[in-house]
Amino acid sequence: VFDETPQKSRRFVQKHPGFVVATKNKQ
């Protein structure tokens, strides 16, 4: 959490939902 304007909360965790389908290099 950087000191930005406006400042992001340090008490709430940012969530990043999503998914990736990999066609190779899975392991």
PDB file of all heavy atoms in Angstrom:
ATOM      1  N   VAL A   1       0.876  -1.160   0.000  1.00  0.00           N
ATOM      2  CA  VAL A   1       0.000   0.000   0.000  1.00  0.00           C
ATOM      3  C   VAL A   1       0.919   1.217   0.000  1.00  0.00           C
ATOM      4  O   VAL A   1       1.670   1.433   0.941  1.00  0.00           O
ATOM      5  CB  VAL A   1      -0.928   0.029   1.231  1.00  0.00           C
ATOM      6  CG1 VAL A   1      -1.753   1.299   1.245  1.00  0.00           C
ATOM      7  CG2 VAL A   1      -1.825  -1.193   1.244  1.00  0.00           C
ATOM      8  N   PHE A   2       0.883   1.950  -1.082  1.00  0.00           N
ATOM      9  CA  PHE A   2       1.749   3.120  -1.205  1.00  0.00           C
ATOM     10  C   PHE A   2       1.023   4.356  -0.711  1.00  0.00           C
ATOM     11  O   PHE A   2      -0.205   4.394  -0.658  1.00  0.00           O
ATOM     12  CB  PHE A   2       2.157   3.324  -2.670  1.00  0.00           C
ATOM     13  CG  PHE A   2       2.964   2.173  -3.213  1.00  0.00           C
ATOM     14  CD1 PHE A   2       2.370   1.216  -4.016  1.00  0.00           C
ATOM     15  CD2 PHE A   2       4.308   2.047  -2.909  1.00  0.00           C
ATOM     16  CE1 PHE A   2       3.111   0.153  -4.516  1.00  0.00           C
ATOM     17  CE2 PHE A   2       5.054   0.985  -3.401  1.00  0.00           C
ATOM     18  CZ  PHE A   2       4.456   0.036  -4.207  1.00  0.00           C
ATOM     19  N   ASP A   3       1.763   5.374  -0.360  1.00  0.00           N
ATOM     20  CA  ASP A   3       1.159   6.643   0.011  1.00  0.00           C
ATOM     21  C   ASP A   3       0.748   7.356  -1.264  1.00  0.00           C
ATOM     22  O   ASP A   3       1.572   7.936  -1.969  1.00  0.00           O
ATOM     23  CB  ASP A   3       2.142   7.489   0.833  1.00  0.00           C
ATOM     24  CG  ASP A   3       2.380   6.895   2.202  1.00  0.00           C
ATOM     25  OD1 ASP A   3       1.443   6.268   2.735  1.00  0.00           O
ATOM     26  OD2 ASP A   3       3.492   7.041   2.736  1.00  0.00           O
ATOM     27  N   GLU A   4      -0.537   7.241  -1.579  1.00  0.00           N
ATOM     28  CA  GLU A   4      -1.092   7.809  -2.799  1.00  0.00           C
ATOM     29  C   GLU A   4      -2.171   8.804  -2.429  1.00  0.00           C
ATOM     30  O   GLU A   4      -2.605   8.881  -1.293  1.00  0.00           O
ATOM     31  CB  GLU A   4      -1.736   6.709  -3.662  1.00  0.00           C
ATOM     32  CG  GLU A   4      -0.835   5.544  -3.957  1.00  0.00           C
ATOM     33  CD  GLU A   4      -1.595   4.379  -4.593  1.00  0.00           C
ATOM     34  OE1 GLU A   4      -2.775   4.169  -4.269  1.00  0.00           O
ATOM     35  OE2 GLU A   4      -0.993   3.693  -5.413  1.00  0.00           O
ATOM     36  N   THR A   5      -2.642   9.536  -3.396  1.00  0.00           N
ATOM     37  CA  THR A   5      -3.798  10.390  -3.211  1.00  0.00           C
ATOM     38  C   THR A   5      -4.813   9.992  -4.261  1.00  0.00           C
ATOM     39  O   THR A   5      -4.494  10.037  -5.441  1.00  0.00           O
ATOM     40  CB  THR A   5      -3.418  11.879  -3.373  1.00  0.00           C
ATOM     41  OG1 THR A   5      -2.375  12.177  -2.456  1.00  0.00           O
ATOM     42  CG2 THR A   5      -4.598  12.775  -3.121  1.00  0.00           C
ATOM     43  N   PRO A   6      -6.015   9.560  -3.916  1.00  0.00           N
ATOM     44  CA  PRO A   6      -6.466   9.319  -2.538  1.00  0.00           C
ATOM     45  C   PRO A   6      -5.816   8.064  -1.973  1.00  0.00           C
ATOM     46  O   PRO A   6      -5.482   7.148  -2.707  1.00  0.00           O
ATOM     47  CB  PRO A   6      -7.976   9.146  -2.686  1.00  0.00           C
ATOM     48  CG  PRO A   6      -8.169   8.637  -4.070  1.00  0.00           C
ATOM     49  CD  PRO A   6      -7.058   9.231  -4.899  1.00  0.00           C
ATOM     50  N   GLN A   7      -5.666   8.058  -0.658  1.00  0.00           N
ATOM     51  CA  GLN A   7      -4.946   6.962  -0.005  1.00  0.00           C
ATOM     52  C   GLN A   7      -5.827   5.720   0.132  1.00  0.00           C
ATOM     53  O   GLN A   7      -6.946   5.785   0.623  1.00  0.00           O
ATOM     54  CB  GLN A   7      -4.462   7.402   1.364  1.00  0.00           C
ATOM     55  CG  GLN A   7      -3.519   6.402   1.986  1.00  0.00           C
ATOM     56  CD  GLN A   7      -2.913   6.910   3.273  1.00  0.00           C
ATOM     57  OE1 GLN A   7      -3.431   7.807   3.898  1.00  0.00           O
ATOM     58  NE2 GLN A   7      -1.812   6.315   3.676  1.00  0.00           N
ATOM     59  N   LYS A   8      -5.283   4.573  -0.289  1.00  0.00           N
ATOM     60  CA  LYS A   8      -5.994   3.301  -0.154  1.00  0.00           C
ATOM     61  C   LYS A   8      -5.961   2.847   1.300  1.00  0.00           C
ATOM     62  O   LYS A   8      -5.018   3.128   2.027  1.00  0.00           O
ATOM     63  CB  LYS A   8      -5.352   2.229  -1.032  1.00  0.00           C
ATOM     64  CG  LYS A   8      -5.511   2.471  -2.503  1.00  0.00           C
ATOM     65  CD  LYS A   8      -4.844   1.360  -3.293  1.00  0.00           C
ATOM     66  CE  LYS A   8      -4.864   1.648  -4.773  1.00  0.00           C
ATOM     67  NZ  LYS A   8      -4.144   0.621  -5.535  1.00  0.00           N
ATOM     68  N   SER A   9      -6.988   2.129   1.677  1.00  0.00           N
ATOM     69  CA  SER A   9      -7.085   1.599   3.026  1.00  0.00           C
ATOM     70  C   SER A   9      -6.001   0.561   3.263  1.00  0.00           C
ATOM     71  O   SER A   9      -5.676  -0.229   2.382  1.00  0.00           O
ATOM     72  CB  SER A   9      -8.455   0.955   3.227  1.00  0.00           C
ATOM     73  OG  SER A   9      -8.500   0.268   4.453  1.00  0.00           O
ATOM     74  N   ARG A  10      -5.478   0.549   4.476  1.00  0.00           N
ATOM     75  CA  ARG A  10      -4.546  -0.495   4.893  1.00  0.00           C
ATOM     76  C   ARG A  10      -5.279  -1.544   5.733  1.00  0.00           C
ATOM     77  O   ARG A  10      -4.692  -2.531   6.123  1.00  0.00           O
ATOM     78  CB  ARG A  10      -3.396   0.113   5.698  1.00  0.00           C
ATOM     79  CG  ARG A  10      -2.518   1.024   4.859  1.00  0.00           C
ATOM     80  CD  ARG A  10      -1.484   1.721   5.745  1.00  0.00           C
ATOM     81  NE  ARG A  10      -0.821   2.783   5.013  1.00  0.00           N
ATOM     82  CZ  ARG A  10       0.416   2.699   4.543  1.00  0.00           C
ATOM     83  NH1 ARG A  10       1.118   1.621   4.744  1.00  0.00           N
ATOM     84  NH2 ARG A  10       0.949   3.696   3.892  1.00  0.00           N
ATOM     85  N   ARG A  11      -6.557  -1.297   6.026  1.00  0.00           N
ATOM     86  CA  ARG A  11      -7.342  -2.210   6.858  1.00  0.00           C
ATOM     87  C   ARG A  11      -8.161  -3.196   6.028  1.00  0.00           C
ATOM     88  O   ARG A  11      -8.613  -4.204   6.549  1.00  0.00           O
ATOM     89  CB  ARG A  11      -8.275  -1.405   7.756  1.00  0.00           C
ATOM     90  CG  ARG A  11      -7.511  -0.535   8.749  1.00  0.00           C
ATOM     91  CD  ARG A  11      -8.416   0.419   9.457  1.00  0.00           C
ATOM     92  NE  ARG A  11      -9.176  -0.254  10.496  1.00  0.00           N
ATOM     93  CZ  ARG A  11     -10.079   0.356  11.233  1.00  0.00           C
ATOM     94  NH1 ARG A  11     -10.343   1.637  11.041  1.00  0.00           N
ATOM     95  NH2 ARG A  11     -10.735  -0.308  12.155  1.00  0.00           N
ATOM     96  N   PHE A  12      -8.389  -2.896   4.765  1.00  0.00           N
ATOM     97  CA  PHE A  12      -9.169  -3.761   3.890  1.00  0.00           C
ATOM     98  C   PHE A  12      -8.239  -4.371   2.845  1.00  0.00           C
ATOM     99  O   PHE A  12      -7.442  -3.667   2.237  1.00  0.00           O
ATOM    100  CB  PHE A  12     -10.272  -2.966   3.175  1.00  0.00           C
ATOM    101  CG  PHE A  12     -11.420  -2.589   4.064  1.00  0.00           C
ATOM    102  CD1 PHE A  12     -11.308  -1.530   4.946  1.00  0.00           C
ATOM    103  CD2 PHE A  12     -12.596  -3.293   4.021  1.00  0.00           C
ATOM    104  CE1 PHE A  12     -12.364  -1.178   5.774  1.00  0.00           C
ATOM    105  CE2 PHE A  12     -13.658  -2.955   4.842  1.00  0.00           C
ATOM    106  CZ  PHE A  12     -13.536  -1.892   5.726  1.00  0.00           C
ATOM    107  N   VAL A  13      -8.353  -5.651   2.620  1.00  0.00           N
ATOM    108  CA  VAL A  13      -7.513  -6.346   1.656  1.00  0.00           C
ATOM    109  C   VAL A  13      -8.147  -6.232   0.277  1.00  0.00           C
ATOM    110  O   VAL A  13      -9.331  -6.512   0.105  1.00  0.00           O
ATOM    111  CB  VAL A  13      -7.349  -7.838   2.036  1.00  0.00           C
ATOM    112  CG1 VAL A  13      -6.560  -8.587   0.980  1.00  0.00           C
ATOM    113  CG2 VAL A  13      -6.697  -7.965   3.400  1.00  0.00           C
ATOM    114  N   GLN A  14      -7.361  -5.816  -0.688  1.00  0.00           N
ATOM    115  CA  GLN A  14      -7.842  -5.722  -2.062  1.00  0.00           C
ATOM    116  C   GLN A  14      -8.002  -7.124  -2.645  1.00  0.00           C
ATOM    117  O   GLN A  14      -7.097  -7.943  -2.541  1.00  0.00           O
ATOM    118  CB  GLN A  14      -6.861  -4.916  -2.920  1.00  0.00           C
ATOM    119  CG  GLN A  14      -7.262  -4.773  -4.364  1.00  0.00           C
ATOM    120  CD  GLN A  14      -8.515  -3.941  -4.547  1.00  0.00           C
ATOM    121  OE1 GLN A  14      -8.731  -2.983  -3.830  1.00  0.00           O
ATOM    122  NE2 GLN A  14      -9.339  -4.305  -5.498  1.00  0.00           N
ATOM    123  N   LYS A  15      -9.139  -7.399  -3.217  1.00  0.00           N
ATOM    124  CA  LYS A  15      -9.402  -8.697  -3.845  1.00  0.00           C
ATOM    125  C   LYS A  15      -9.209  -8.579  -5.346  1.00  0.00           C
ATOM    126  O   LYS A  15      -9.482  -7.529  -5.941  1.00  0.00           O
ATOM    127  CB  LYS A  15     -10.824  -9.182  -3.553  1.00  0.00           C
ATOM    128  CG  LYS A  15     -11.139  -9.306  -2.078  1.00  0.00           C
ATOM    129  CD  LYS A  15     -10.300 -10.361  -1.430  1.00  0.00           C
ATOM    130  CE  LYS A  15     -10.691 -10.523   0.037  1.00  0.00           C
ATOM    131  NZ  LYS A  15      -9.816 -11.365   0.763  1.00  0.00           N
ATOM    132  N   HIS A  16      -8.738  -9.656  -5.967  1.00  0.00           N
ATOM    133  CA  HIS A  16      -8.480  -9.688  -7.410  1.00  0.00           C
ATOM    134  C   HIS A  16      -9.081 -10.960  -8.016  1.00  0.00           C
ATOM    135  O   HIS A  16      -8.360 -11.883  -8.369  1.00  0.00           O
ATOM    136  CB  HIS A  16      -6.975  -9.653  -7.689  1.00  0.00           C
ATOM    137  CG  HIS A  16      -6.311  -8.396  -7.250  1.00  0.00           C
ATOM    138  ND1 HIS A  16      -6.384  -7.233  -7.971  1.00  0.00           N
ATOM    139  CD2 HIS A  16      -5.563  -8.119  -6.160  1.00  0.00           C
ATOM    140  CE1 HIS A  16      -5.697  -6.291  -7.351  1.00  0.00           C
ATOM    141  NE2 HIS A  16      -5.192  -6.807  -6.249  1.00  0.00           N
ATOM    142  N   PRO A  17     -10.401 -11.043  -8.131  1.00  0.00           N
ATOM    143  CA  PRO A  17     -10.985 -12.262  -8.706  1.00  0.00           C
ATOM    144  C   PRO A  17     -10.746 -12.372 -10.201  1.00  0.00           C
ATOM    145  O   PRO A  17     -10.706 -11.367 -10.917  1.00  0.00           O
ATOM    146  CB  PRO A  17     -12.477 -12.120  -8.391  1.00  0.00           C
ATOM    147  CG  PRO A  17     -12.700 -10.654  -8.224  1.00  0.00           C
ATOM    148  CD  PRO A  17     -11.400 -10.078  -7.715  1.00  0.00           C
ATOM    149  N   GLY A  18     -10.573 -13.592 -10.644  1.00  0.00           N
ATOM    150  CA  GLY A  18     -10.383 -13.845 -12.067  1.00  0.00           C
ATOM    151  C   GLY A  18      -9.813 -15.234 -12.263  1.00  0.00           C
ATOM    152  O   GLY A  18      -9.570 -15.958 -11.300  1.00  0.00           O
ATOM    153  N   PHE A  19      -9.634 -15.623 -13.509  1.00  0.00           N
ATOM    154  CA  PHE A  19      -9.009 -16.906 -13.779  1.00  0.00           C
ATOM    155  C   PHE A  19      -8.341 -16.908 -15.140  1.00  0.00           C
ATOM    156  O   PHE A  19      -8.687 -16.145 -16.028  1.00  0.00           O
ATOM    157  CB  PHE A  19      -9.996 -18.074 -13.643  1.00  0.00           C
ATOM    158  CG  PHE A  19     -11.166 -18.030 -14.580  1.00  0.00           C
ATOM    159  CD1 PHE A  19     -11.109 -18.658 -15.808  1.00  0.00           C
ATOM    160  CD2 PHE A  19     -12.326 -17.374 -14.214  1.00  0.00           C
ATOM    161  CE1 PHE A  19     -12.196 -18.623 -16.675  1.00  0.00           C
ATOM    162  CE2 PHE A  19     -13.416 -17.344 -15.074  1.00  0.00           C
ATOM    163  CZ  PHE A  19     -13.359 -17.969 -16.301  1.00  0.00           C
ATOM    164  N   VAL A  20      -7.349 -17.773 -15.251  1.00  0.00           N
ATOM    165  CA  VAL A  20      -6.545 -17.919 -16.458  1.00  0.00           C
ATOM    166  C   VAL A  20      -6.591 -19.376 -16.883  1.00  0.00           C
ATOM    167  O   VAL A  20      -6.442 -20.267 -16.050  1.00  0.00           O
ATOM    168  CB  VAL A  20      -5.062 -17.549 -16.195  1.00  0.00           C
ATOM    169  CG1 VAL A  20      -4.218 -17.765 -17.436  1.00  0.00           C
ATOM    170  CG2 VAL A  20      -4.937 -16.144 -15.681  1.00  0.00           C
ATOM    171  N   VAL A  21      -6.788 -19.613 -18.166  1.00  0.00           N
ATOM    172  CA  VAL A  21      -6.642 -20.959 -18.711  1.00  0.00           C
ATOM    173  C   VAL A  21      -5.292 -20.996 -19.407  1.00  0.00           C
ATOM    174  O   VAL A  21      -5.031 -20.206 -20.316  1.00  0.00           O
ATOM    175  CB  VAL A  21      -7.777 -21.295 -19.704  1.00  0.00           C
ATOM    176  CG1 VAL A  21      -7.516 -22.633 -20.376  1.00  0.00           C
ATOM    177  CG2 VAL A  21      -9.123 -21.298 -18.986  1.00  0.00           C
ATOM    178  N   ALA A  22      -4.420 -21.880 -18.935  1.00  0.00           N
ATOM    179  CA  ALA A  22      -3.089 -22.024 -19.525  1.00  0.00           C
ATOM    180  C   ALA A  22      -3.112 -23.194 -20.502  1.00  0.00           C
ATOM    181  O   ALA A  22      -3.627 -24.260 -20.189  1.00  0.00           O
ATOM    182  CB  ALA A  22      -2.051 -22.251 -18.450  1.00  0.00           C
ATOM    183  N   THR A  23      -2.549 -22.980 -21.677  1.00  0.00           N
ATOM    184  CA  THR A  23      -2.525 -24.031 -22.697  1.00  0.00           C
ATOM    185  C   THR A  23      -1.247 -24.862 -22.656  1.00  0.00           C
ATOM    186  O   THR A  23      -1.167 -25.897 -23.301  1.00  0.00           O
ATOM    187  CB  THR A  23      -2.680 -23.417 -24.098  1.00  0.00           C
ATOM    188  OG1 THR A  23      -1.643 -22.455 -24.292  1.00  0.00           O
ATOM    189  CG2 THR A  23      -4.042 -22.751 -24.245  1.00  0.00           C
ATOM    190  N   LYS A  24      -0.256 -24.394 -21.884  1.00  0.00           N
ATOM    191  CA  LYS A  24       0.995 -25.130 -21.735  1.00  0.00           C
ATOM    192  C   LYS A  24       1.686 -24.638 -20.467  1.00  0.00           C
ATOM    193  O   LYS A  24       1.227 -23.701 -19.826  1.00  0.00           O
ATOM    194  CB  LYS A  24       1.897 -24.952 -22.958  1.00  0.00           C
ATOM    195  CG  LYS A  24       2.247 -23.506 -23.278  1.00  0.00           C
ATOM    196  CD  LYS A  24       3.063 -23.410 -24.553  1.00  0.00           C
ATOM    197  CE  LYS A  24       3.321 -21.947 -24.881  1.00  0.00           C
ATOM    198  NZ  LYS A  24       4.108 -21.802 -26.085  1.00  0.00           N
ATOM    199  N   ASN A  25       2.783 -25.282 -20.100  1.00  0.00           N
ATOM    200  CA  ASN A  25       3.581 -24.896 -18.920  1.00  0.00           C
ATOM    201  C   ASN A  25       2.787 -24.943 -17.619  1.00  0.00           C
ATOM    202  O   ASN A  25       3.100 -24.230 -16.675  1.00  0.00           O
ATOM    203  CB  ASN A  25       4.177 -23.484 -19.091  1.00  0.00           C
ATOM    204  CG  ASN A  25       5.086 -23.368 -20.275  1.00  0.00           C
ATOM    205  OD1 ASN A  25       5.851 -24.277 -20.582  1.00  0.00           O
ATOM    206  ND2 ASN A  25       5.006 -22.255 -20.979  1.00  0.00           N
ATOM    207  N   LYS A  26       1.756 -25.780 -17.549  1.00  0.00           N
ATOM    208  CA  LYS A  26       0.888 -25.797 -16.369  1.00  0.00           C
ATOM    209  C   LYS A  26       1.647 -26.136 -15.093  1.00  0.00           C
ATOM    210  O   LYS A  26       1.477 -25.460 -14.071  1.00  0.00           O
ATOM    211  CB  LYS A  26      -0.272 -26.764 -16.581  1.00  0.00           C
ATOM    212  CG  LYS A  26      -1.215 -26.302 -17.676  1.00  0.00           C
ATOM    213  CD  LYS A  26      -2.296 -27.322 -17.966  1.00  0.00           C
ATOM    214  CE  LYS A  26      -3.057 -26.871 -19.213  1.00  0.00           C
ATOM    215  NZ  LYS A  26      -4.009 -27.876 -19.651  1.00  0.00           N
ATOM    216  N   GLN A  27       2.481 -27.157 -15.123  1.00  0.00           N
ATOM    217  CA  GLN A  27       3.226 -27.544 -13.919  1.00  0.00           C
ATOM    218  C   GLN A  27       4.223 -26.465 -13.515  1.00  0.00           C
ATOM    219  O   GLN A  27       4.412 -26.210 -12.322  1.00  0.00           O
ATOM    220  CB  GLN A  27       3.922 -28.896 -14.129  1.00  0.00           C
ATOM    221  CG  GLN A  27       2.957 -30.058 -14.273  1.00  0.00           C
ATOM    222  CD  GLN A  27       1.968 -30.158 -13.122  1.00  0.00           C
ATOM    223  OE1 GLN A  27       2.331 -30.016 -11.954  1.00  0.00           O
ATOM    224  NE2 GLN A  27       0.705 -30.375 -13.446  1.00  0.00           N
TER     225      GLN A  27
END
